[in-house]
N, C-alpha and C. Protein backbone atom coordinates (compact mmCIF):
# COMPACT_ATOMS: atom_id res chain seq x y z
N MET A 1 -7.14 -64.34 42.39
CA MET A 1 -5.72 -64.03 42.59
C MET A 1 -5.55 -63.33 43.95
N ILE A 2 -4.56 -63.74 44.67
CA ILE A 2 -4.26 -63.14 45.98
C ILE A 2 -3.41 -61.90 45.77
N ARG A 3 -3.92 -60.77 46.26
CA ARG A 3 -3.22 -59.48 46.13
C ARG A 3 -2.77 -58.88 47.46
N ALA A 4 -3.30 -59.42 48.56
CA ALA A 4 -2.98 -58.82 49.87
C ALA A 4 -2.93 -59.89 50.95
N VAL A 5 -2.14 -59.61 51.97
CA VAL A 5 -2.04 -60.51 53.14
C VAL A 5 -2.23 -59.68 54.39
N LEU A 6 -3.11 -60.11 55.25
CA LEU A 6 -3.35 -59.46 56.54
C LEU A 6 -2.85 -60.39 57.66
N PHE A 7 -2.23 -59.80 58.67
CA PHE A 7 -1.67 -60.53 59.77
C PHE A 7 -2.26 -60.09 61.10
N ASP A 8 -2.34 -61.04 62.01
CA ASP A 8 -2.45 -60.75 63.45
C ASP A 8 -1.03 -60.42 63.95
N LEU A 9 -0.94 -59.85 65.16
CA LEU A 9 0.39 -59.55 65.71
C LEU A 9 0.79 -60.56 66.81
N ASP A 10 0.14 -60.50 67.97
CA ASP A 10 0.58 -61.34 69.09
C ASP A 10 0.29 -62.81 68.82
N GLY A 11 1.32 -63.62 68.98
CA GLY A 11 1.19 -65.04 68.75
C GLY A 11 1.32 -65.44 67.31
N THR A 12 1.44 -64.45 66.43
CA THR A 12 1.59 -64.73 65.00
C THR A 12 2.93 -64.21 64.48
N LEU A 13 3.17 -62.92 64.70
CA LEU A 13 4.47 -62.33 64.33
C LEU A 13 5.34 -62.12 65.56
N LEU A 14 4.71 -61.66 66.63
CA LEU A 14 5.41 -61.43 67.89
C LEU A 14 5.26 -62.68 68.80
N ASN A 15 6.40 -63.20 69.21
CA ASN A 15 6.39 -64.29 70.18
C ASN A 15 6.14 -63.73 71.56
N ARG A 16 4.88 -63.55 71.87
CA ARG A 16 4.52 -62.83 73.08
C ARG A 16 4.94 -63.55 74.33
N GLU A 17 4.87 -64.88 74.31
CA GLU A 17 5.22 -65.65 75.51
C GLU A 17 6.68 -65.44 75.89
N GLU A 18 7.58 -65.53 74.90
CA GLU A 18 8.99 -65.33 75.17
C GLU A 18 9.28 -63.87 75.50
N SER A 19 8.60 -62.96 74.83
CA SER A 19 8.78 -61.53 75.14
C SER A 19 8.41 -61.24 76.59
N LEU A 20 7.29 -61.80 77.03
CA LEU A 20 6.83 -61.54 78.40
C LEU A 20 7.79 -62.13 79.40
N LYS A 21 8.31 -63.28 79.15
CA LYS A 21 9.27 -63.89 80.08
C LYS A 21 10.51 -63.01 80.23
N LYS A 22 11.01 -62.50 79.08
CA LYS A 22 12.19 -61.62 79.12
C LYS A 22 11.90 -60.35 79.89
N PHE A 23 10.73 -59.75 79.62
CA PHE A 23 10.39 -58.49 80.29
C PHE A 23 10.22 -58.69 81.79
N ILE A 24 9.48 -59.71 82.21
CA ILE A 24 9.22 -59.92 83.62
C ILE A 24 10.49 -60.18 84.40
N SER A 25 11.39 -60.94 83.81
CA SER A 25 12.69 -61.17 84.45
C SER A 25 13.44 -59.86 84.66
N TRP A 26 13.41 -59.01 83.61
CA TRP A 26 14.11 -57.72 83.70
C TRP A 26 13.41 -56.82 84.74
N GLN A 27 12.08 -56.79 84.71
CA GLN A 27 11.36 -55.94 85.64
C GLN A 27 11.62 -56.36 87.08
N TYR A 28 11.65 -57.64 87.36
CA TYR A 28 11.95 -58.10 88.72
C TYR A 28 13.31 -57.62 89.15
N ASN A 29 14.31 -57.75 88.27
CA ASN A 29 15.67 -57.32 88.63
C ASN A 29 15.73 -55.81 88.85
N MET A 30 15.06 -55.05 87.97
CA MET A 30 15.07 -53.61 88.08
C MET A 30 14.40 -53.09 89.34
N LEU A 31 13.35 -53.79 89.76
CA LEU A 31 12.58 -53.35 90.92
C LEU A 31 12.79 -54.25 92.13
N HIS A 32 14.00 -54.77 92.23
CA HIS A 32 14.32 -55.74 93.27
C HIS A 32 14.10 -55.18 94.68
N THR A 33 14.28 -53.88 94.82
CA THR A 33 14.06 -53.24 96.14
C THR A 33 12.62 -53.46 96.62
N HIS A 34 11.69 -53.47 95.67
CA HIS A 34 10.27 -53.64 96.02
C HIS A 34 9.83 -55.11 95.96
N LEU A 35 10.51 -55.90 95.15
CA LEU A 35 10.05 -57.25 94.86
C LEU A 35 10.95 -58.33 95.42
N GLY A 36 12.07 -57.96 96.00
CA GLY A 36 13.10 -58.92 96.39
C GLY A 36 12.66 -59.90 97.46
N HIS A 37 11.60 -59.59 98.20
CA HIS A 37 11.10 -60.56 99.22
C HIS A 37 10.34 -61.70 98.58
N ILE A 38 10.09 -61.60 97.29
CA ILE A 38 9.36 -62.67 96.57
C ILE A 38 10.39 -63.48 95.76
N PRO A 39 10.40 -64.78 95.82
CA PRO A 39 11.28 -65.55 94.95
C PRO A 39 11.01 -65.21 93.48
N LYS A 40 12.09 -64.94 92.72
CA LYS A 40 11.92 -64.49 91.35
C LYS A 40 11.07 -65.42 90.51
N GLU A 41 11.35 -66.72 90.61
CA GLU A 41 10.58 -67.69 89.80
C GLU A 41 9.11 -67.64 90.16
N LYS A 42 8.79 -67.47 91.42
CA LYS A 42 7.40 -67.41 91.87
C LYS A 42 6.71 -66.16 91.33
N PHE A 43 7.40 -65.03 91.40
CA PHE A 43 6.82 -63.77 90.88
C PHE A 43 6.55 -63.88 89.38
N CYS A 44 7.55 -64.36 88.64
CA CYS A 44 7.42 -64.44 87.19
C CYS A 44 6.33 -65.42 86.76
N SER A 45 6.29 -66.58 87.39
CA SER A 45 5.29 -67.57 86.99
C SER A 45 3.88 -67.12 87.33
N ARG A 46 3.73 -66.42 88.47
CA ARG A 46 2.41 -65.94 88.81
C ARG A 46 1.95 -64.83 87.88
N PHE A 47 2.87 -63.96 87.47
CA PHE A 47 2.53 -62.91 86.51
C PHE A 47 2.01 -63.54 85.22
N ILE A 48 2.74 -64.53 84.71
CA ILE A 48 2.34 -65.16 83.45
C ILE A 48 0.99 -65.86 83.59
N GLU A 49 0.77 -66.47 84.74
CA GLU A 49 -0.54 -67.11 84.98
C GLU A 49 -1.68 -66.09 84.98
N LEU A 50 -1.49 -65.00 85.70
CA LEU A 50 -2.53 -63.95 85.77
C LEU A 50 -2.75 -63.27 84.41
N ASP A 51 -1.69 -63.13 83.67
CA ASP A 51 -1.76 -62.48 82.36
C ASP A 51 -2.71 -63.19 81.39
N ASP A 52 -2.86 -64.51 81.56
CA ASP A 52 -3.80 -65.27 80.78
C ASP A 52 -3.56 -65.10 79.29
N ARG A 53 -2.30 -65.22 78.89
CA ARG A 53 -1.89 -65.13 77.49
C ARG A 53 -2.26 -63.78 76.85
N GLY A 54 -2.25 -62.74 77.67
CA GLY A 54 -2.52 -61.40 77.16
C GLY A 54 -3.96 -60.97 77.18
N TYR A 55 -4.84 -61.85 77.66
CA TYR A 55 -6.27 -61.52 77.64
C TYR A 55 -6.71 -60.74 78.89
N LYS A 56 -5.80 -60.56 79.83
CA LYS A 56 -6.09 -59.72 81.01
C LYS A 56 -5.14 -58.53 80.96
N TRP A 57 -5.72 -57.32 81.07
CA TRP A 57 -4.84 -56.14 81.07
C TRP A 57 -4.07 -56.09 82.37
N LYS A 58 -2.93 -55.38 82.32
CA LYS A 58 -1.95 -55.50 83.40
C LYS A 58 -2.33 -54.76 84.68
N ASP A 59 -3.29 -53.84 84.62
CA ASP A 59 -3.70 -53.22 85.89
C ASP A 59 -4.26 -54.30 86.83
N PHE A 60 -5.04 -55.22 86.28
CA PHE A 60 -5.54 -56.34 87.07
C PHE A 60 -4.41 -57.23 87.56
N VAL A 61 -3.47 -57.52 86.68
CA VAL A 61 -2.36 -58.38 87.04
C VAL A 61 -1.55 -57.79 88.19
N TYR A 62 -1.18 -56.53 88.05
CA TYR A 62 -0.35 -55.90 89.09
C TYR A 62 -1.10 -55.72 90.42
N LYS A 63 -2.37 -55.37 90.31
CA LYS A 63 -3.17 -55.22 91.53
C LYS A 63 -3.23 -56.54 92.30
N THR A 64 -3.38 -57.63 91.57
CA THR A 64 -3.44 -58.95 92.22
C THR A 64 -2.10 -59.32 92.81
N LEU A 65 -1.01 -59.03 92.07
CA LEU A 65 0.32 -59.35 92.60
C LEU A 65 0.62 -58.58 93.88
N ILE A 66 0.24 -57.29 93.89
CA ILE A 66 0.47 -56.47 95.09
C ILE A 66 -0.27 -57.06 96.29
N GLN A 67 -1.48 -57.50 96.07
CA GLN A 67 -2.26 -58.07 97.16
C GLN A 67 -1.71 -59.44 97.63
N GLU A 68 -1.40 -60.28 96.67
CA GLU A 68 -0.96 -61.62 97.00
C GLU A 68 0.42 -61.67 97.66
N PHE A 69 1.32 -60.78 97.17
CA PHE A 69 2.70 -60.82 97.65
C PHE A 69 3.02 -59.70 98.61
N ASN A 70 1.99 -58.94 99.01
CA ASN A 70 2.18 -57.85 100.00
C ASN A 70 3.32 -56.92 99.56
N ILE A 71 3.24 -56.45 98.32
CA ILE A 71 4.25 -55.58 97.77
C ILE A 71 4.01 -54.15 98.32
N LYS A 72 5.09 -53.56 98.82
CA LYS A 72 5.00 -52.24 99.47
C LYS A 72 5.70 -51.18 98.66
N ASP A 73 5.34 -49.92 98.90
CA ASP A 73 6.07 -48.75 98.41
C ASP A 73 6.12 -48.60 96.89
N ILE A 74 5.28 -49.31 96.20
CA ILE A 74 5.10 -49.12 94.76
C ILE A 74 3.67 -49.47 94.39
N THR A 75 3.04 -48.65 93.59
CA THR A 75 1.62 -48.85 93.31
C THR A 75 1.43 -49.65 92.01
N GLU A 76 0.18 -50.10 91.84
CA GLU A 76 -0.12 -50.84 90.60
C GLU A 76 0.06 -49.96 89.38
N MET A 77 -0.24 -48.67 89.49
CA MET A 77 -0.09 -47.75 88.38
C MET A 77 1.41 -47.55 88.05
N GLU A 78 2.24 -47.51 89.05
CA GLU A 78 3.68 -47.38 88.80
C GLU A 78 4.23 -48.63 88.10
N LEU A 79 3.77 -49.78 88.55
CA LEU A 79 4.16 -51.03 87.91
C LEU A 79 3.63 -51.10 86.47
N LEU A 80 2.39 -50.68 86.29
CA LEU A 80 1.79 -50.70 84.97
C LEU A 80 2.52 -49.75 84.00
N ASN A 81 2.83 -48.57 84.46
CA ASN A 81 3.56 -47.62 83.62
C ASN A 81 4.94 -48.16 83.26
N HIS A 82 5.55 -48.86 84.20
CA HIS A 82 6.83 -49.47 83.95
C HIS A 82 6.73 -50.51 82.83
N TYR A 83 5.63 -51.26 82.86
CA TYR A 83 5.36 -52.25 81.80
C TYR A 83 5.12 -51.57 80.45
N ILE A 84 4.22 -50.58 80.45
CA ILE A 84 3.86 -49.89 79.21
C ILE A 84 5.07 -49.26 78.56
N THR A 85 5.93 -48.66 79.38
CA THR A 85 7.07 -47.92 78.88
C THR A 85 8.19 -48.80 78.38
N ASN A 86 8.33 -49.99 78.95
CA ASN A 86 9.53 -50.79 78.70
C ASN A 86 9.32 -52.10 77.97
N PHE A 87 8.07 -52.57 77.88
CA PHE A 87 7.87 -53.91 77.29
C PHE A 87 8.44 -54.03 75.89
N HIS A 88 8.27 -52.98 75.10
CA HIS A 88 8.68 -53.06 73.68
C HIS A 88 10.16 -53.37 73.52
N SER A 89 10.97 -53.03 74.51
CA SER A 89 12.40 -53.30 74.43
C SER A 89 12.72 -54.80 74.54
N TYR A 90 11.74 -55.58 74.89
CA TYR A 90 11.96 -57.02 75.08
C TYR A 90 11.15 -57.87 74.12
N CYS A 91 10.68 -57.25 73.03
CA CYS A 91 9.90 -57.99 72.01
C CYS A 91 10.77 -59.01 71.30
N VAL A 92 10.24 -60.21 71.20
CA VAL A 92 10.92 -61.31 70.54
C VAL A 92 10.09 -61.73 69.31
N PRO A 93 10.63 -61.64 68.12
CA PRO A 93 9.89 -62.09 66.95
C PRO A 93 9.92 -63.61 66.81
N PHE A 94 8.95 -64.14 66.13
CA PHE A 94 9.08 -65.54 65.71
C PHE A 94 10.16 -65.63 64.62
N SER A 95 10.79 -66.79 64.52
CA SER A 95 11.87 -67.00 63.59
C SER A 95 11.46 -66.68 62.17
N ASN A 96 12.38 -66.06 61.44
CA ASN A 96 12.22 -65.77 60.01
C ASN A 96 11.18 -64.67 59.71
N LEU A 97 10.88 -63.89 60.69
CA LEU A 97 9.86 -62.82 60.49
C LEU A 97 10.27 -61.84 59.38
N LEU A 98 11.42 -61.23 59.51
CA LEU A 98 11.83 -60.20 58.54
C LEU A 98 12.03 -60.79 57.14
N SER A 99 12.66 -61.95 57.06
CA SER A 99 12.87 -62.55 55.72
C SER A 99 11.56 -62.92 55.07
N MET A 100 10.60 -63.40 55.85
CA MET A 100 9.28 -63.74 55.32
C MET A 100 8.59 -62.49 54.76
N LEU A 101 8.59 -61.40 55.51
CA LEU A 101 7.93 -60.16 55.05
C LEU A 101 8.62 -59.64 53.78
N ALA A 102 9.95 -59.72 53.74
CA ALA A 102 10.67 -59.27 52.58
C ALA A 102 10.31 -60.09 51.35
N GLN A 103 10.11 -61.38 51.52
CA GLN A 103 9.75 -62.23 50.40
C GLN A 103 8.32 -61.88 49.89
N LEU A 104 7.42 -61.59 50.82
CA LEU A 104 6.08 -61.23 50.42
C LEU A 104 6.05 -59.90 49.64
N LYS A 105 6.90 -58.97 50.04
CA LYS A 105 6.98 -57.71 49.29
C LYS A 105 7.51 -57.94 47.89
N LYS A 106 8.44 -58.87 47.73
CA LYS A 106 8.96 -59.21 46.42
C LYS A 106 7.91 -59.82 45.54
N LEU A 107 6.88 -60.41 46.15
CA LEU A 107 5.76 -60.97 45.39
C LEU A 107 4.73 -59.89 45.06
N SER A 108 5.04 -58.62 45.38
CA SER A 108 4.15 -57.49 45.10
C SER A 108 2.82 -57.62 45.82
N LEU A 109 2.85 -58.17 47.01
CA LEU A 109 1.63 -58.28 47.84
C LEU A 109 1.51 -57.08 48.76
N SER A 110 0.34 -56.54 48.93
CA SER A 110 0.08 -55.49 49.90
C SER A 110 -0.13 -56.14 51.27
N LEU A 111 0.51 -55.57 52.29
CA LEU A 111 0.47 -56.18 53.62
C LEU A 111 -0.29 -55.29 54.60
N GLY A 112 -1.10 -55.91 55.44
CA GLY A 112 -1.82 -55.20 56.49
C GLY A 112 -1.76 -55.98 57.78
N MET A 113 -2.13 -55.31 58.87
CA MET A 113 -2.15 -55.97 60.18
C MET A 113 -3.39 -55.50 60.95
N ILE A 114 -3.97 -56.44 61.68
CA ILE A 114 -5.10 -56.15 62.57
C ILE A 114 -4.75 -56.72 63.93
N SER A 115 -4.71 -55.88 64.94
CA SER A 115 -4.32 -56.33 66.27
C SER A 115 -5.29 -55.81 67.32
N ASN A 116 -5.72 -56.74 68.20
CA ASN A 116 -6.47 -56.31 69.37
C ASN A 116 -5.50 -55.83 70.45
N GLY A 117 -5.73 -54.66 71.01
CA GLY A 117 -4.84 -54.19 72.06
C GLY A 117 -4.85 -52.68 72.18
N LYS A 118 -3.98 -52.19 73.04
CA LYS A 118 -3.82 -50.76 73.28
C LYS A 118 -3.02 -50.15 72.13
N GLY A 119 -3.46 -49.00 71.62
CA GLY A 119 -2.91 -48.46 70.40
C GLY A 119 -1.42 -48.20 70.43
N GLN A 120 -0.96 -47.28 71.25
CA GLN A 120 0.44 -46.90 71.25
C GLN A 120 1.33 -48.06 71.73
N PHE A 121 0.83 -48.84 72.67
CA PHE A 121 1.57 -49.99 73.19
C PHE A 121 1.86 -50.97 72.05
N GLN A 122 0.84 -51.32 71.28
CA GLN A 122 1.04 -52.25 70.18
C GLN A 122 1.93 -51.65 69.09
N MET A 123 1.74 -50.38 68.79
CA MET A 123 2.58 -49.73 67.77
C MET A 123 4.05 -49.72 68.20
N ASP A 124 4.30 -49.45 69.46
CA ASP A 124 5.68 -49.49 69.96
C ASP A 124 6.31 -50.87 69.76
N ASN A 125 5.50 -51.91 69.97
CA ASN A 125 6.00 -53.27 69.76
C ASN A 125 6.28 -53.54 68.28
N ILE A 126 5.40 -53.07 67.43
CA ILE A 126 5.59 -53.23 65.98
C ILE A 126 6.86 -52.53 65.53
N VAL A 127 7.09 -51.32 66.00
CA VAL A 127 8.30 -50.57 65.64
C VAL A 127 9.52 -51.30 66.18
N SER A 128 9.44 -51.80 67.38
CA SER A 128 10.56 -52.49 68.01
C SER A 128 10.97 -53.74 67.20
N LEU A 129 9.99 -54.40 66.63
CA LEU A 129 10.26 -55.58 65.80
C LEU A 129 10.90 -55.22 64.47
N GLY A 130 10.85 -53.95 64.10
CA GLY A 130 11.44 -53.50 62.84
C GLY A 130 10.59 -53.82 61.62
N ILE A 131 9.27 -53.95 61.82
CA ILE A 131 8.41 -54.36 60.70
C ILE A 131 7.45 -53.31 60.22
N ARG A 132 7.45 -52.14 60.85
CA ARG A 132 6.49 -51.09 60.46
C ARG A 132 6.55 -50.75 58.98
N PRO A 133 7.71 -50.63 58.36
CA PRO A 133 7.76 -50.20 56.93
C PRO A 133 7.14 -51.21 55.96
N TYR A 134 6.96 -52.42 56.38
CA TYR A 134 6.42 -53.43 55.45
C TYR A 134 4.90 -53.33 55.26
N PHE A 135 4.23 -52.59 56.15
CA PHE A 135 2.77 -52.63 56.18
C PHE A 135 2.15 -51.39 55.63
N LYS A 136 1.20 -51.59 54.72
CA LYS A 136 0.46 -50.48 54.12
C LYS A 136 -0.60 -49.95 55.10
N THR A 137 -1.17 -50.84 55.87
CA THR A 137 -2.18 -50.44 56.87
C THR A 137 -2.00 -51.26 58.13
N ILE A 138 -2.19 -50.62 59.28
CA ILE A 138 -2.16 -51.29 60.58
C ILE A 138 -3.37 -50.77 61.40
N LEU A 139 -4.24 -51.69 61.77
CA LEU A 139 -5.41 -51.34 62.56
C LEU A 139 -5.28 -51.96 63.94
N ILE A 140 -5.34 -51.10 64.98
CA ILE A 140 -5.26 -51.58 66.35
C ILE A 140 -6.56 -51.23 67.05
N SER A 141 -7.12 -52.19 67.74
CA SER A 141 -8.50 -52.11 68.18
C SER A 141 -8.82 -50.86 69.02
N GLU A 142 -7.93 -50.49 69.91
CA GLU A 142 -8.21 -49.30 70.72
C GLU A 142 -8.40 -48.05 69.85
N TRP A 143 -7.55 -47.91 68.87
CA TRP A 143 -7.62 -46.70 67.98
C TRP A 143 -8.82 -46.79 67.05
N GLU A 144 -9.25 -48.01 66.74
CA GLU A 144 -10.38 -48.18 65.79
C GLU A 144 -11.74 -48.22 66.50
N ASP A 145 -11.72 -48.35 67.82
CA ASP A 145 -12.95 -48.48 68.60
C ASP A 145 -13.77 -49.68 68.18
N MET A 146 -13.10 -50.71 67.77
CA MET A 146 -13.71 -52.02 67.47
C MET A 146 -12.60 -53.04 67.45
N LYS A 147 -12.93 -54.28 67.70
CA LYS A 147 -11.88 -55.28 67.79
C LYS A 147 -12.36 -56.61 67.16
N LYS A 148 -11.40 -57.42 66.80
CA LYS A 148 -11.72 -58.77 66.34
C LYS A 148 -12.47 -59.52 67.43
N PRO A 149 -13.50 -60.24 67.11
CA PRO A 149 -13.92 -60.72 65.78
C PRO A 149 -14.93 -59.87 65.04
N ASP A 150 -15.08 -58.61 65.41
CA ASP A 150 -16.02 -57.72 64.70
C ASP A 150 -15.64 -57.67 63.22
N PRO A 151 -16.57 -58.02 62.30
CA PRO A 151 -16.22 -58.03 60.88
C PRO A 151 -15.85 -56.66 60.35
N ARG A 152 -16.29 -55.60 61.00
CA ARG A 152 -16.00 -54.25 60.46
C ARG A 152 -14.51 -53.94 60.44
N ILE A 153 -13.75 -54.47 61.37
CA ILE A 153 -12.32 -54.16 61.38
C ILE A 153 -11.59 -54.85 60.23
N PHE A 154 -12.07 -56.03 59.86
CA PHE A 154 -11.53 -56.72 58.68
C PHE A 154 -11.93 -55.97 57.42
N GLU A 155 -13.16 -55.57 57.36
CA GLU A 155 -13.67 -54.85 56.19
C GLU A 155 -12.93 -53.53 55.96
N LYS A 156 -12.64 -52.84 57.07
CA LYS A 156 -11.89 -51.58 56.95
C LYS A 156 -10.49 -51.84 56.42
N ALA A 157 -9.86 -52.87 56.90
CA ALA A 157 -8.49 -53.19 56.41
C ALA A 157 -8.53 -53.51 54.92
N LEU A 158 -9.52 -54.24 54.48
CA LEU A 158 -9.65 -54.54 53.06
C LEU A 158 -9.84 -53.28 52.23
N ARG A 159 -10.64 -52.36 52.71
CA ARG A 159 -10.86 -51.11 51.98
C ARG A 159 -9.55 -50.34 51.90
N GLN A 160 -8.79 -50.29 52.96
CA GLN A 160 -7.55 -49.53 52.95
C GLN A 160 -6.50 -50.17 52.04
N LEU A 161 -6.58 -51.46 51.87
CA LEU A 161 -5.67 -52.15 50.95
C LEU A 161 -6.24 -52.20 49.52
N ASN A 162 -7.48 -51.73 49.37
CA ASN A 162 -8.13 -51.68 48.06
C ASN A 162 -8.22 -53.04 47.41
N VAL A 163 -8.65 -54.04 48.20
CA VAL A 163 -8.85 -55.39 47.67
C VAL A 163 -10.18 -55.92 48.18
N ASN A 164 -10.70 -56.91 47.47
CA ASN A 164 -11.88 -57.63 47.90
C ASN A 164 -11.45 -58.78 48.84
N ALA A 165 -12.38 -59.30 49.60
CA ALA A 165 -12.07 -60.36 50.57
C ALA A 165 -11.46 -61.57 49.88
N GLU A 166 -11.98 -61.93 48.71
CA GLU A 166 -11.48 -63.13 48.03
C GLU A 166 -10.08 -62.92 47.46
N GLU A 167 -9.59 -61.69 47.47
CA GLU A 167 -8.26 -61.41 46.98
C GLU A 167 -7.23 -61.31 48.12
N ALA A 168 -7.65 -61.66 49.33
CA ALA A 168 -6.80 -61.47 50.51
C ALA A 168 -6.75 -62.73 51.37
N VAL A 169 -5.64 -62.89 52.05
CA VAL A 169 -5.41 -63.96 53.00
C VAL A 169 -5.22 -63.37 54.40
N TYR A 170 -5.82 -63.99 55.39
CA TYR A 170 -5.60 -63.55 56.75
C TYR A 170 -4.85 -64.65 57.52
N ILE A 171 -3.83 -64.23 58.27
CA ILE A 171 -2.98 -65.18 59.00
C ILE A 171 -3.01 -64.83 60.47
N GLY A 172 -3.41 -65.77 61.33
CA GLY A 172 -3.47 -65.53 62.76
C GLY A 172 -3.43 -66.82 63.54
N ASP A 173 -3.39 -66.67 64.88
CA ASP A 173 -3.27 -67.84 65.74
C ASP A 173 -4.52 -68.17 66.55
N HIS A 174 -5.47 -67.25 66.62
CA HIS A 174 -6.66 -67.49 67.45
C HIS A 174 -7.80 -68.05 66.58
N PRO A 175 -8.33 -69.21 66.93
CA PRO A 175 -9.35 -69.86 66.10
C PRO A 175 -10.59 -69.01 65.88
N ILE A 176 -11.02 -68.24 66.91
CA ILE A 176 -12.25 -67.47 66.81
C ILE A 176 -11.97 -66.05 66.33
N ASN A 177 -11.16 -65.32 67.06
CA ASN A 177 -10.92 -63.91 66.74
C ASN A 177 -10.22 -63.71 65.39
N ASP A 178 -9.40 -64.66 65.01
CA ASP A 178 -8.69 -64.56 63.75
C ASP A 178 -9.33 -65.38 62.63
N ILE A 179 -9.33 -66.71 62.80
CA ILE A 179 -9.70 -67.58 61.69
C ILE A 179 -11.19 -67.55 61.36
N THR A 180 -12.02 -67.84 62.34
CA THR A 180 -13.45 -67.85 62.07
C THR A 180 -13.96 -66.46 61.66
N ALA A 181 -13.46 -65.41 62.34
CA ALA A 181 -13.87 -64.05 62.00
C ALA A 181 -13.48 -63.68 60.58
N ALA A 182 -12.27 -64.02 60.19
CA ALA A 182 -11.80 -63.68 58.83
C ALA A 182 -12.61 -64.49 57.78
N LYS A 183 -12.85 -65.77 58.05
CA LYS A 183 -13.62 -66.58 57.11
C LYS A 183 -15.03 -66.03 56.95
N ASN A 184 -15.62 -65.52 58.01
CA ASN A 184 -16.97 -64.97 57.95
C ASN A 184 -17.03 -63.76 57.04
N VAL A 185 -15.93 -63.07 56.90
CA VAL A 185 -15.86 -61.93 55.99
C VAL A 185 -15.55 -62.33 54.56
N GLY A 186 -15.07 -63.56 54.38
CA GLY A 186 -14.81 -64.06 53.05
C GLY A 186 -13.33 -64.16 52.70
N LEU A 187 -12.46 -63.94 53.69
CA LEU A 187 -11.03 -64.04 53.40
C LEU A 187 -10.56 -65.51 53.39
N HIS A 188 -9.52 -65.77 52.64
CA HIS A 188 -8.81 -67.02 52.79
C HIS A 188 -8.08 -66.96 54.13
N THR A 189 -7.87 -68.13 54.77
CA THR A 189 -7.29 -68.12 56.10
C THR A 189 -6.13 -69.11 56.24
N ILE A 190 -5.12 -68.65 56.98
CA ILE A 190 -3.99 -69.51 57.35
C ILE A 190 -3.86 -69.44 58.87
N TRP A 191 -3.91 -70.57 59.50
CA TRP A 191 -3.76 -70.64 60.95
C TRP A 191 -2.32 -70.92 61.32
N LYS A 192 -1.74 -70.06 62.11
CA LYS A 192 -0.43 -70.36 62.72
C LYS A 192 -0.67 -71.17 63.95
N ARG A 193 -0.33 -72.41 63.85
CA ARG A 193 -0.72 -73.37 64.92
C ARG A 193 -0.31 -72.90 66.29
N ASP A 194 -1.22 -73.07 67.23
CA ASP A 194 -1.02 -72.69 68.64
C ASP A 194 -1.33 -73.92 69.48
N MET A 195 -0.39 -74.28 70.33
CA MET A 195 -0.54 -75.53 71.10
C MET A 195 -1.74 -75.49 72.05
N TYR A 196 -2.25 -74.29 72.32
CA TYR A 196 -3.38 -74.17 73.24
C TYR A 196 -4.71 -74.51 72.58
N TRP A 197 -4.70 -74.62 71.25
CA TRP A 197 -5.94 -74.92 70.55
C TRP A 197 -5.74 -76.17 69.70
N PRO A 198 -6.71 -77.09 69.70
CA PRO A 198 -6.54 -78.33 68.93
C PRO A 198 -6.64 -78.13 67.42
N ASP A 199 -7.47 -77.19 66.99
CA ASP A 199 -7.67 -76.94 65.57
C ASP A 199 -8.35 -75.59 65.43
N ALA A 200 -8.36 -75.12 64.15
CA ALA A 200 -8.96 -73.79 63.90
C ALA A 200 -9.87 -73.76 62.69
N ASN A 201 -9.96 -74.89 61.97
CA ASN A 201 -10.81 -74.96 60.77
C ASN A 201 -10.44 -73.91 59.74
N ALA A 202 -9.12 -73.68 59.60
CA ALA A 202 -8.62 -72.73 58.60
C ALA A 202 -8.46 -73.42 57.24
N ASP A 203 -8.29 -72.63 56.21
CA ASP A 203 -8.04 -73.20 54.89
C ASP A 203 -6.70 -73.89 54.83
N TYR A 204 -5.72 -73.33 55.55
CA TYR A 204 -4.36 -73.87 55.58
C TYR A 204 -3.79 -73.69 56.98
N THR A 205 -2.81 -74.52 57.32
CA THR A 205 -2.19 -74.45 58.64
C THR A 205 -0.67 -74.43 58.47
N ILE A 206 0.01 -73.59 59.26
CA ILE A 206 1.46 -73.56 59.25
C ILE A 206 1.96 -73.64 60.70
N ASP A 207 3.23 -74.00 60.82
CA ASP A 207 3.90 -74.00 62.13
C ASP A 207 4.94 -72.90 62.20
N ASN A 208 5.51 -72.51 61.06
CA ASN A 208 6.58 -71.53 61.04
C ASN A 208 6.33 -70.50 59.97
N LEU A 209 6.82 -69.27 60.23
CA LEU A 209 6.58 -68.16 59.30
C LEU A 209 7.20 -68.38 57.94
N ASP A 210 8.30 -69.12 57.87
CA ASP A 210 8.96 -69.28 56.57
C ASP A 210 8.17 -70.17 55.63
N GLU A 211 7.07 -70.77 56.12
CA GLU A 211 6.21 -71.57 55.23
C GLU A 211 5.28 -70.66 54.40
N ILE A 212 5.09 -69.44 54.86
CA ILE A 212 4.07 -68.56 54.24
C ILE A 212 4.37 -68.24 52.79
N PRO A 213 5.58 -67.79 52.41
CA PRO A 213 5.80 -67.42 50.99
C PRO A 213 5.57 -68.62 50.05
N PHE A 214 6.00 -69.81 50.48
CA PHE A 214 5.79 -70.99 49.64
C PHE A 214 4.30 -71.31 49.49
N LEU A 215 3.59 -71.20 50.58
CA LEU A 215 2.15 -71.49 50.53
C LEU A 215 1.41 -70.47 49.67
N LEU A 216 1.74 -69.21 49.79
CA LEU A 216 1.10 -68.18 48.97
C LEU A 216 1.41 -68.37 47.50
N ASN A 217 2.61 -68.72 47.18
CA ASN A 217 2.95 -69.01 45.79
C ASN A 217 2.09 -70.15 45.24
N LYS A 218 1.79 -71.11 46.10
CA LYS A 218 1.01 -72.27 45.70
C LYS A 218 -0.45 -71.89 45.44
N ILE A 219 -1.01 -71.00 46.27
CA ILE A 219 -2.45 -70.74 46.20
C ILE A 219 -2.80 -69.50 45.40
N ARG A 220 -1.82 -68.73 44.95
CA ARG A 220 -2.11 -67.49 44.22
C ARG A 220 -2.73 -67.77 42.88
């Protein structure tokens, strides 16, 4: 019997790609005095390219942008702090996020989250999405001093939810860090399809969040 559901954040609940586009557009406009010599589309597209879907931290991104575009009178740390302080205001959820979580709570399922990333930064994004109250446990890699695909972070989440691996489902978008790692611990897995990966060898695959309650009802 399924008693708990664990989620990834970026690319699963948070539409990080759209969030980043919104933030970078806003940042360019806000800092136009420093960035105005760069065509906006060029600045934004290069940022997204350097970001590498979130796998490069932004100190590297901003340092590279400063060098490539000869940005003056503002440092990489100032740009980074601007990002850290303001990104959460531009978080975009995937469709049906809140209604999906509400349906899972009605099914009396315990919910948890495991996210790789900076602790307060990720928590600010979670709060901005309005989903913090739905989760019994949230583990963020910086605060836990371990990250996916380390099995220990999954095992800790299971302990905090007081369930065994076979009683829980893990939902994520990354084939290795999410799906393979969760399967290795013994969890059931649902892959939220990502166009950057051909397959993930998950137990189930979804394209939209509103598929989750129906699927869980089927497999419980």
